[in-house]
């Protein structure tokens, strides 16, 4: 059986993390959230499909920098990268 996909939410705002986690979980997704890009990148690599939702304007390591690091990971395969900002 193929591993179940996961959605990673990375945002420095706890209210955004909680809201997105609740919304995505209620839609049936498995979600793991992180308060910073550094916290996300510290986790051991996982061999399972997933989606990464990033806050582009986080302090410290920005979402753009996290996306770049994630793309260079040896186990990563990035099909699409979209971003928008207000």
Protein backbone atom coordinates (compact mmCIF):
# COMPACT_ATOMS: atom_id res chain seq x y z
CA UNK A 1 0.00 0.00 0.00
CA UNK A 2 1.27 3.49 -0.90
CA UNK A 3 2.01 5.84 2.01
CA UNK A 4 -0.76 8.32 2.80
CA UNK A 5 0.04 11.89 1.67
CA UNK A 6 0.63 14.57 4.29
CA UNK A 7 0.30 18.36 4.25
CA UNK A 8 2.99 20.35 6.06
CA UNK A 9 1.95 23.82 7.24
CA UNK A 10 4.80 26.21 8.08
CA UNK A 11 3.80 29.59 9.51
CA UNK A 12 5.05 31.74 12.38
CA UNK A 13 1.48 32.71 13.31
CA UNK A 14 -0.02 30.15 15.70
CA UNK A 15 -3.58 31.20 14.77
CA UNK A 16 -2.89 30.58 11.06
CA UNK A 17 -1.29 27.20 11.83
CA UNK A 18 -4.23 26.15 14.00
CA UNK A 19 -6.85 27.35 11.50
CA UNK A 20 -5.23 25.67 8.51
CA UNK A 21 -4.65 22.47 10.48
CA UNK A 22 -8.30 22.33 11.56
CA UNK A 23 -9.58 23.07 8.06
CA UNK A 24 -7.36 20.52 6.32
CA UNK A 25 -7.92 17.85 8.99
CA UNK A 26 -11.69 18.31 8.71
CA UNK A 27 -11.32 17.71 4.96
CA UNK A 28 -9.66 14.36 5.71
CA UNK A 29 -5.98 15.26 5.29
CA UNK A 30 -3.15 14.36 7.63
CA UNK A 31 -1.46 17.60 8.68
CA UNK A 32 1.75 18.42 10.52
CA UNK A 33 2.51 22.05 11.39
CA UNK A 34 5.71 23.93 12.22
CA UNK A 35 6.29 27.37 13.73
CA UNK A 36 9.33 28.12 11.55
CA UNK A 37 11.16 27.02 8.46
CA UNK A 38 14.08 25.93 10.62
CA UNK A 39 11.78 23.61 12.61
CA UNK A 40 10.45 22.10 9.39
CA UNK A 41 13.90 21.57 7.88
CA UNK A 42 15.18 19.93 11.10
CA UNK A 43 12.73 17.04 10.78
CA UNK A 44 14.08 13.80 9.33
CA UNK A 45 13.23 13.28 5.64
CA UNK A 46 10.16 11.18 4.95
CA UNK A 47 9.63 8.96 2.00
CA UNK A 48 6.00 9.85 1.36
CA UNK A 49 4.10 12.20 -0.88
CA UNK A 50 3.08 15.53 0.55
CA UNK A 51 2.30 19.17 0.11
CA UNK A 52 4.13 22.07 1.72
CA UNK A 53 2.14 25.22 2.62
CA UNK A 54 4.51 28.05 3.52
CA UNK A 55 4.23 31.58 4.87
CA UNK A 56 6.41 33.56 2.46
CA UNK A 57 7.13 36.42 4.90
CA UNK A 58 8.29 34.59 8.04
CA UNK A 59 11.02 36.21 10.12
CA UNK A 60 14.41 34.56 9.86
CA UNK A 61 14.24 31.85 7.22
CA UNK A 62 11.55 32.98 4.75
CA UNK A 63 9.14 30.67 3.00
CA UNK A 64 11.03 31.19 -0.27
CA UNK A 65 14.27 30.05 1.39
CA UNK A 66 12.53 27.02 2.93
CA UNK A 67 11.07 26.07 -0.46
CA UNK A 68 14.53 26.30 -2.03
CA UNK A 69 16.04 24.09 0.67
CA UNK A 70 13.20 21.60 0.37
CA UNK A 71 13.68 21.41 -3.41
CA UNK A 72 17.38 20.57 -2.98
CA UNK A 73 16.73 17.73 -0.51
CA UNK A 74 17.81 14.39 -2.00
CA UNK A 75 14.43 12.77 -1.29
CA UNK A 76 12.34 15.66 -2.61
CA UNK A 77 10.52 15.80 -5.89
CA UNK A 78 8.82 19.13 -6.41
CA UNK A 79 6.20 19.17 -9.14
CA UNK A 80 4.89 22.68 -8.66
CA UNK A 81 5.82 25.76 -6.74
CA UNK A 82 3.27 28.58 -6.46
CA UNK A 83 3.40 31.64 -4.28
CA UNK A 84 1.47 34.79 -3.78
CA UNK A 85 1.74 37.65 -1.36
CA UNK A 86 -0.53 40.39 -0.15
